Amino acid sequence: MIIGYTKEFAGGALNGAEATMPSSVSLPLSGKWALLVDIDEKLCDTLVITVKQKVTE
């Protein structure tokens, strides 16, 4: 399992959300990825994304 980013922080409201939290995810390969979304160690949802190509910095 790849853990993207976690931090004990809740910022202010943004775009209709009550709170925000900085996050970052790095996926090493293109293709379809399923990201498991959990809150307090409880699975809440699955986010499926398609990565077409790697962005180089």
PDB file of N, CA and C in Angstrom:
ATOM      1  N   MET A   1       0.847  -1.179   0.000  1.00  0.00           N
ATOM      2  CA  MET A   1       0.000   0.000   0.000  1.00  0.00           C
ATOM      3  C   MET A   1       0.888   1.235   0.000  1.00  0.00           C
ATOM      4  N   ILE A   2       0.547   2.212  -0.836  1.00  0.00           N
ATOM      5  CA  ILE A   2       1.262   3.479  -0.883  1.00  0.00           C
ATOM      6  C   ILE A   2       0.461   4.507  -0.106  1.00  0.00           C
ATOM      7  N   ILE A   3       1.068   5.090   0.896  1.00  0.00           N
ATOM      8  CA  ILE A   3       0.408   6.149   1.653  1.00  0.00           C
ATOM      9  C   ILE A   3       0.843   7.466   1.053  1.00  0.00           C
ATOM     10  N   GLY A   4      -0.131   8.237   0.545  1.00  0.00           N
ATOM     11  CA  GLY A   4       0.187   9.487  -0.126  1.00  0.00           C
ATOM     12  C   GLY A   4       0.709  10.541   0.841  1.00  0.00           C
ATOM     13  N   TYR A   5      -0.120  10.992   1.759  1.00  0.00           N
ATOM     14  CA  TYR A   5       0.277  12.062   2.663  1.00  0.00           C
ATOM     15  C   TYR A   5      -0.773  12.173   3.752  1.00  0.00           C
ATOM     16  N   THR A   6      -0.349  12.205   4.964  1.00  0.00           N
ATOM     17  CA  THR A   6      -1.290  12.428   6.064  1.00  0.00           C
ATOM     18  C   THR A   6      -0.690  13.453   7.020  1.00  0.00           C
ATOM     19  N   LYS A   7      -1.554  14.210   7.645  1.00  0.00           N
ATOM     20  CA  LYS A   7      -1.095  15.220   8.594  1.00  0.00           C
ATOM     21  C   LYS A   7      -2.252  15.606   9.491  1.00  0.00           C
ATOM     22  N   GLU A   8      -1.980  15.820  10.748  1.00  0.00           N
ATOM     23  CA  GLU A   8      -2.992  16.260  11.702  1.00  0.00           C
ATOM     24  C   GLU A   8      -3.175  17.766  11.549  1.00  0.00           C
ATOM     25  N   PHE A   9      -3.983  18.173  10.582  1.00  0.00           N
ATOM     26  CA  PHE A   9      -4.189  19.585  10.312  1.00  0.00           C
ATOM     27  C   PHE A   9      -5.539  19.770   9.636  1.00  0.00           C
ATOM     28  N   ALA A  10      -6.245  20.794  10.017  1.00  0.00           N
ATOM     29  CA  ALA A  10      -7.477  21.159   9.315  1.00  0.00           C
ATOM     30  C   ALA A  10      -7.445  22.660   9.103  1.00  0.00           C
ATOM     31  N   GLY A  11      -7.389  23.067   7.849  1.00  0.00           N
ATOM     32  CA  GLY A  11      -7.351  24.489   7.513  1.00  0.00           C
ATOM     33  C   GLY A  11      -8.751  25.067   7.438  1.00  0.00           C
ATOM     34  N   GLY A  12      -8.862  26.224   6.876  1.00  0.00           N
ATOM     35  CA  GLY A  12     -10.138  26.907   6.762  1.00  0.00           C
ATOM     36  C   GLY A  12     -10.987  26.404   5.607  1.00  0.00           C
ATOM     37  N   ALA A  13     -12.134  27.033   5.427  1.00  0.00           N
ATOM     38  CA  ALA A  13     -13.072  26.653   4.373  1.00  0.00           C
ATOM     39  C   ALA A  13     -12.487  26.981   2.997  1.00  0.00           C
ATOM     40  N   LEU A  14     -12.884  26.185   1.981  1.00  0.00           N
ATOM     41  CA  LEU A  14     -12.415  26.401   0.613  1.00  0.00           C
ATOM     42  C   LEU A  14     -13.399  25.788  -0.369  1.00  0.00           C
ATOM     43  N   ASN A  15     -13.857  26.560  -1.330  1.00  0.00           N
ATOM     44  CA  ASN A  15     -14.747  26.070  -2.394  1.00  0.00           C
ATOM     45  C   ASN A  15     -15.956  25.301  -1.866  1.00  0.00           C
ATOM     46  N   GLY A  16     -16.562  25.776  -0.811  1.00  0.00           N
ATOM     47  CA  GLY A  16     -17.753  25.143  -0.264  1.00  0.00           C
ATOM     48  C   GLY A  16     -17.478  24.079   0.782  1.00  0.00           C
ATOM     49  N   ALA A  17     -16.232  23.659   0.932  1.00  0.00           N
ATOM     50  CA  ALA A  17     -15.880  22.680   1.969  1.00  0.00           C
ATOM     51  C   ALA A  17     -15.758  23.399   3.311  1.00  0.00           C
ATOM     52  N   GLU A  18     -16.091  22.701   4.389  1.00  0.00           N
ATOM     53  CA  GLU A  18     -16.007  23.297   5.721  1.00  0.00           C
ATOM     54  C   GLU A  18     -14.563  23.412   6.209  1.00  0.00           C
ATOM     55  N   ALA A  19     -13.705  22.494   5.770  1.00  0.00           N
ATOM     56  CA  ALA A  19     -12.302  22.505   6.183  1.00  0.00           C
ATOM     57  C   ALA A  19     -11.466  21.904   5.060  1.00  0.00           C
ATOM     58  N   THR A  20     -10.175  22.191   5.076  1.00  0.00           N
ATOM     59  CA  THR A  20      -9.264  21.656   4.077  1.00  0.00           C
ATOM     60  C   THR A  20      -8.051  21.025   4.744  1.00  0.00           C
ATOM     61  N   MET A  21      -7.365  20.160   4.014  1.00  0.00           N
ATOM     62  CA  MET A  21      -6.156  19.532   4.510  1.00  0.00           C
ATOM     63  C   MET A  21      -5.196  19.371   3.337  1.00  0.00           C
ATOM     64  N   PRO A  22      -3.948  19.808   3.470  1.00  0.00           N
ATOM     65  CA  PRO A  22      -3.003  19.636   2.368  1.00  0.00           C
ATOM     66  C   PRO A  22      -2.760  18.150   2.093  1.00  0.00           C
ATOM     67  N   SER A  23      -2.644  17.800   0.837  1.00  0.00           N
ATOM     68  CA  SER A  23      -2.386  16.404   0.496  1.00  0.00           C
ATOM     69  C   SER A  23      -1.580  16.322  -0.791  1.00  0.00           C
ATOM     70  N   SER A  24      -0.929  15.192  -0.973  1.00  0.00           N
ATOM     71  CA  SER A  24      -0.117  14.974  -2.160  1.00  0.00           C
ATOM     72  C   SER A  24      -0.037  13.472  -2.424  1.00  0.00           C
ATOM     73  N   VAL A  25      -0.089  13.103  -3.693  1.00  0.00           N
ATOM     74  CA  VAL A  25       0.028  11.695  -4.070  1.00  0.00           C
ATOM     75  C   VAL A  25       0.949  11.615  -5.272  1.00  0.00           C
ATOM     76  N   SER A  26       1.853  10.662  -5.274  1.00  0.00           N
ATOM     77  CA  SER A  26       2.732  10.434  -6.407  1.00  0.00           C
ATOM     78  C   SER A  26       2.503   9.014  -6.904  1.00  0.00           C
ATOM     79  N   LEU A  27       2.122   8.887  -8.176  1.00  0.00           N
ATOM     80  CA  LEU A  27       1.894   7.571  -8.766  1.00  0.00           C
ATOM     81  C   LEU A  27       3.012   7.308  -9.767  1.00  0.00           C
ATOM     82  N   PRO A  28       3.783   6.242  -9.593  1.00  0.00           N
ATOM     83  CA  PRO A  28       4.993   6.030 -10.385  1.00  0.00           C
ATOM     84  C   PRO A  28       4.770   5.584 -11.830  1.00  0.00           C
ATOM     85  N   LEU A  29       3.595   5.072 -12.164  1.00  0.00           N
ATOM     86  CA  LEU A  29       3.339   4.549 -13.502  1.00  0.00           C
ATOM     87  C   LEU A  29       2.014   5.057 -14.037  1.00  0.00           C
ATOM     88  N   SER A  30       1.905   5.135 -15.368  1.00  0.00           N
ATOM     89  CA  SER A  30       0.614   5.468 -15.965  1.00  0.00           C
ATOM     90  C   SER A  30      -0.296   4.245 -15.891  1.00  0.00           C
ATOM     91  N   GLY A  31      -1.587   4.467 -16.050  1.00  0.00           N
ATOM     92  CA  GLY A  31      -2.562   3.383 -15.981  1.00  0.00           C
ATOM     93  C   GLY A  31      -3.716   3.748 -15.075  1.00  0.00           C
ATOM     94  N   LYS A  32      -4.545   2.782 -14.763  1.00  0.00           N
ATOM     95  CA  LYS A  32      -5.705   3.003 -13.899  1.00  0.00           C
ATOM     96  C   LYS A  32      -5.326   2.647 -12.461  1.00  0.00           C
ATOM     97  N   TRP A  33      -5.632   3.537 -11.548  1.00  0.00           N
ATOM     98  CA  TRP A  33      -5.318   3.370 -10.130  1.00  0.00           C
ATOM     99  C   TRP A  33      -6.599   3.470  -9.303  1.00  0.00           C
ATOM    100  N   ALA A  34      -6.716   2.641  -8.291  1.00  0.00           N
ATOM    101  CA  ALA A  34      -7.803   2.721  -7.321  1.00  0.00           C
ATOM    102  C   ALA A  34      -7.202   3.182  -5.996  1.00  0.00           C
ATOM    103  N   LEU A  35      -7.637   4.332  -5.522  1.00  0.00           N
ATOM    104  CA  LEU A  35      -7.158   4.875  -4.255  1.00  0.00           C
ATOM    105  C   LEU A  35      -8.227   4.665  -3.199  1.00  0.00           C
ATOM    106  N   LEU A  36      -7.855   4.049  -2.102  1.00  0.00           N
ATOM    107  CA  LEU A  36      -8.800   3.785  -1.013  1.00  0.00           C
ATOM    108  C   LEU A  36      -8.831   4.991  -0.085  1.00  0.00           C
ATOM    109  N   VAL A  37     -10.011   5.530   0.114  1.00  0.00           N
ATOM    110  CA  VAL A  37     -10.188   6.707   0.966  1.00  0.00           C
ATOM    111  C   VAL A  37     -10.681   6.236   2.331  1.00  0.00           C
ATOM    112  N   ASP A  38      -9.869   6.517   3.359  1.00  0.00           N
ATOM    113  CA  ASP A  38     -10.317   6.141   4.697  1.00  0.00           C
ATOM    114  C   ASP A  38     -10.224   7.336   5.637  1.00  0.00           C
ATOM    115  N   ILE A  39     -11.125   7.365   6.573  1.00  0.00           N
ATOM    116  CA  ILE A  39     -11.146   8.381   7.621  1.00  0.00           C
ATOM    117  C   ILE A  39     -11.195   7.655   8.949  1.00  0.00           C
ATOM    118  N   ASP A  40     -10.245   7.974   9.812  1.00  0.00           N
ATOM    119  CA  ASP A  40     -10.134   7.304  11.115  1.00  0.00           C
ATOM    120  C   ASP A  40     -10.101   5.780  10.954  1.00  0.00           C
ATOM    121  N   GLU A  41      -9.302   5.323   9.955  1.00  0.00           N
ATOM    122  CA  GLU A  41      -9.105   3.900   9.679  1.00  0.00           C
ATOM    123  C   GLU A  41     -10.373   3.165   9.253  1.00  0.00           C
ATOM    124  N   LYS A  42     -11.379   3.892   8.776  1.00  0.00           N
ATOM    125  CA  LYS A  42     -12.603   3.299   8.260  1.00  0.00           C
ATOM    126  C   LYS A  42     -12.703   3.623   6.770  1.00  0.00           C
ATOM    127  N   LEU A  43     -12.836   2.574   5.926  1.00  0.00           N
ATOM    128  CA  LEU A  43     -12.939   2.775   4.487  1.00  0.00           C
ATOM    129  C   LEU A  43     -14.212   3.538   4.158  1.00  0.00           C
ATOM    130  N   CYS A  44     -14.057   4.688   3.492  1.00  0.00           N
ATOM    131  CA  CYS A  44     -15.203   5.537   3.159  1.00  0.00           C
ATOM    132  C   CYS A  44     -15.570   5.447   1.688  1.00  0.00           C
ATOM    133  N   ASP A  45     -14.582   5.294   0.814  1.00  0.00           N
ATOM    134  CA  ASP A  45     -14.855   5.312  -0.614  1.00  0.00           C
ATOM    135  C   ASP A  45     -13.626   4.827  -1.362  1.00  0.00           C
ATOM    136  N   THR A  46     -13.793   4.608  -2.661  1.00  0.00           N
ATOM    137  CA  THR A  46     -12.696   4.275  -3.548  1.00  0.00           C
ATOM    138  C   THR A  46     -12.687   5.286  -4.681  1.00  0.00           C
ATOM    139  N   LEU A  47     -11.552   5.898  -4.907  1.00  0.00           N
ATOM    140  CA  LEU A  47     -11.392   6.880  -5.963  1.00  0.00           C
ATOM    141  C   LEU A  47     -10.586   6.225  -7.076  1.00  0.00           C
ATOM    142  N   VAL A  48     -11.174   6.108  -8.267  1.00  0.00           N
ATOM    143  CA  VAL A  48     -10.490   5.491  -9.407  1.00  0.00           C
ATOM    144  C   VAL A  48     -10.088   6.591 -10.374  1.00  0.00           C
ATOM    145  N   ILE A  49      -8.782   6.636 -10.691  1.00  0.00           N
ATOM    146  CA  ILE A  49      -8.291   7.641 -11.630  1.00  0.00           C
ATOM    147  C   ILE A  49      -7.451   6.972 -12.719  1.00  0.00           C
ATOM    148  N   THR A  50      -7.386   7.618 -13.868  1.00  0.00           N
ATOM    149  CA  THR A  50      -6.542   7.143 -14.950  1.00  0.00           C
ATOM    150  C   THR A  50      -5.407   8.128 -15.162  1.00  0.00           C
ATOM    151  N   VAL A  51      -4.174   7.644 -15.056  1.00  0.00           N
ATOM    152  CA  VAL A  51      -2.992   8.457 -15.266  1.00  0.00           C
ATOM    153  C   VAL A  51      -2.493   8.169 -16.684  1.00  0.00           C
ATOM    154  N   LYS A  52      -2.471   9.218 -17.530  1.00  0.00           N
ATOM    155  CA  LYS A  52      -2.094   9.021 -18.924  1.00  0.00           C
ATOM    156  C   LYS A  52      -0.588   9.045 -19.136  1.00  0.00           C
ATOM    157  N   GLN A  53       0.121   9.926 -18.451  1.00  0.00           N
ATOM    158  CA  GLN A  53       1.568   9.945 -18.552  1.00  0.00           C
ATOM    159  C   GLN A  53       2.159  10.600 -17.322  1.00  0.00           C
ATOM    160  N   LYS A  54       3.403  10.259 -17.038  1.00  0.00           N
ATOM    161  CA  LYS A  54       4.080  10.808 -15.879  1.00  0.00           C
ATOM    162  C   LYS A  54       4.533  12.241 -16.171  1.00  0.00           C
ATOM    163  N   VAL A  55       4.308  13.122 -15.223  1.00  0.00           N
ATOM    164  CA  VAL A  55       4.739  14.511 -15.356  1.00  0.00           C
ATOM    165  C   VAL A  55       6.117  14.617 -14.732  1.00  0.00           C
ATOM    166  N   THR A  56       7.069  15.136 -15.466  1.00  0.00           N
ATOM    167  CA  THR A  56       8.416  15.309 -14.923  1.00  0.00           C
ATOM    168  C   THR A  56       8.583  16.728 -14.431  1.00  0.00           C
ATOM    169  N   GLU A  57       9.372  16.868 -13.394  1.00  0.00           N
ATOM    170  CA  GLU A  57       9.606  18.199 -12.805  1.00  0.00           C
ATOM    171  C   GLU A  57      10.909  18.756 -13.272  1.00  0.00           C
TER     172      GLU A  57
END
